[in-house]
């Protein structure tokens, strides 16, 4: 699988697409542009972010902001409030357990169910 080719099927920002499964984890890709991701956490799951293309601002509550660039990886530990944004389009890969909710317990217009992420 070529991840860059998979991004051609992602038409909306903040809408993760599941592209693979590894044991109890989903491998997801998403396009980020703007600031629509709300502050949220995943109470029981860590979340891995890997930057494929572009620049991502990672905000972690009570910590300095992190500017992530192509090739950077960051793991948000379970229970930690965070949000991401990008001025220009950013392509990311996520690895999350199959039980992780897209925006934690926070429901907004961008929140996607697992079923929606599989389409």
Protein backbone atom coordinates (compact mmCIF):
# COMPACT_ATOMS: atom_id res chain seq x y z
CA UNK A 1 0.00 0.00 0.00
CA UNK A 2 1.20 3.49 -0.80
CA UNK A 3 -0.06 5.95 1.82
CA UNK A 4 0.17 8.94 -0.49
CA UNK A 5 -2.10 7.14 -2.96
CA UNK A 6 -4.56 6.43 -0.12
CA UNK A 7 -4.80 10.16 0.63
CA UNK A 8 -6.40 10.67 -2.80
CA UNK A 9 -9.52 9.01 -1.34
CA UNK A 10 -9.68 11.40 1.63
CA UNK A 11 -11.71 14.39 0.52
CA UNK A 12 -12.63 16.03 3.85
CA UNK A 13 -10.40 17.52 6.52
CA UNK A 14 -10.55 16.03 10.05
CA UNK A 15 -12.12 12.83 8.68
CA UNK A 16 -9.87 9.85 9.47
CA UNK A 17 -9.90 6.88 7.12
CA UNK A 18 -8.96 3.42 8.37
CA UNK A 19 -6.45 1.90 5.94
CA UNK A 20 -5.19 -1.13 7.88
CA UNK A 21 -5.51 -3.20 11.05
CA UNK A 22 -2.66 -4.51 13.20
CA UNK A 23 -3.78 -6.73 16.08
CA UNK A 24 -6.11 -4.51 18.16
CA UNK A 25 -5.00 -1.29 16.43
CA UNK A 26 -6.29 0.68 13.47
CA UNK A 27 -3.91 2.50 11.14
CA UNK A 28 -5.66 5.67 9.99
CA UNK A 29 -4.85 8.56 7.70
CA UNK A 30 -6.31 12.06 7.82
CA UNK A 31 -5.93 15.47 6.27
CA UNK A 32 -5.78 18.39 8.71
CA UNK A 33 -6.30 22.05 7.84
CA UNK A 34 -7.69 24.58 10.29
CA UNK A 35 -8.56 24.46 13.97
CA UNK A 36 -11.75 22.39 14.18
CA UNK A 37 -10.36 19.59 16.38
CA UNK A 38 -11.66 20.21 19.92
CA UNK A 39 -9.70 19.72 23.12
CA UNK A 40 -10.26 16.06 23.99
CA UNK A 41 -8.60 12.98 25.46
CA UNK A 42 -8.80 9.23 25.17
CA UNK A 43 -9.27 7.96 28.69
CA UNK A 44 -7.96 4.43 28.10
CA UNK A 45 -5.91 4.65 24.88
CA UNK A 46 -2.63 6.17 23.75
CA UNK A 47 -2.66 7.79 20.28
CA UNK A 48 0.26 7.86 17.83
CA UNK A 49 0.63 10.72 15.33
CA UNK A 50 3.07 10.51 12.40
CA UNK A 51 3.44 13.39 9.94
CA UNK A 52 3.50 12.32 6.30
CA UNK A 53 3.46 15.80 4.75
CA UNK A 54 3.09 19.37 6.01
CA UNK A 55 3.24 20.85 9.50
CA UNK A 56 0.98 20.08 12.47
CA UNK A 57 0.59 22.04 15.70
CA UNK A 58 0.20 19.62 18.60
CA UNK A 59 -1.22 21.22 21.73
CA UNK A 60 -0.99 19.32 25.00
CA UNK A 61 -2.73 20.78 28.04
CA UNK A 62 -0.29 22.48 30.45
CA UNK A 63 2.70 21.78 28.15
CA UNK A 64 4.50 23.86 25.51
CA UNK A 65 3.07 23.49 21.99
CA UNK A 66 4.91 21.17 19.61
CA UNK A 67 5.31 21.96 15.91
CA UNK A 68 5.53 18.64 14.07
CA UNK A 69 6.98 18.36 10.57
CA UNK A 70 7.30 15.62 7.95
CA UNK A 71 8.79 12.50 9.53
CA UNK A 72 7.98 13.52 13.13
CA UNK A 73 6.13 11.15 15.43
CA UNK A 74 4.46 11.83 18.77
CA UNK A 75 2.48 9.61 21.15
CA UNK A 76 -0.23 11.28 23.22
CA UNK A 77 -0.57 9.22 26.41
CA UNK A 78 -4.03 8.09 27.49
CA UNK A 79 -6.00 10.60 29.53
CA UNK A 80 -4.03 13.64 28.30
CA UNK A 81 -6.07 16.56 26.88
CA UNK A 82 -4.85 17.54 23.44
CA UNK A 83 -5.83 19.02 20.10
CA UNK A 84 -4.19 19.46 16.72
CA UNK A 85 -4.38 22.10 14.01
CA UNK A 86 -2.62 23.15 10.83
CA UNK A 87 -2.54 26.40 8.88
CA UNK A 88 -1.89 24.61 5.58
CA UNK A 89 -2.94 21.10 4.60
CA UNK A 90 -1.14 18.43 6.65
CA UNK A 91 -1.25 14.68 5.98
CA UNK A 92 -1.01 12.47 9.05
CA UNK A 93 -1.06 8.81 9.97
CA UNK A 94 -2.58 7.74 13.28
CA UNK A 95 -2.32 4.45 15.15
CA UNK A 96 -5.06 3.92 17.71
CA UNK A 97 -6.72 1.02 19.45
CA UNK A 98 -9.95 -0.09 17.86
CA UNK A 99 -11.87 1.27 20.87
CA UNK A 100 -10.52 4.84 20.59
CA UNK A 101 -13.23 7.40 19.81
CA UNK A 102 -12.30 10.00 17.21
CA UNK A 103 -12.65 13.03 19.52
CA UNK A 104 -12.88 11.19 22.83
CA UNK A 105 -16.12 11.94 24.66
CA UNK A 106 -16.42 15.34 22.93
CA UNK A 107 -18.93 15.30 20.06
CA UNK A 108 -18.67 18.01 17.38
CA UNK A 109 -19.49 18.42 13.69
CA UNK A 110 -16.20 16.74 12.74
CA UNK A 111 -16.60 13.66 15.00
CA UNK A 112 -16.64 10.40 13.01
CA UNK A 113 -17.75 6.96 14.19
CA UNK A 114 -15.59 3.93 13.48
CA UNK A 115 -18.14 2.90 10.82
CA UNK A 116 -17.73 6.29 9.10
CA UNK A 117 -13.93 5.91 9.24
CA UNK A 118 -14.15 2.52 7.50
CA UNK A 119 -15.99 3.93 4.43
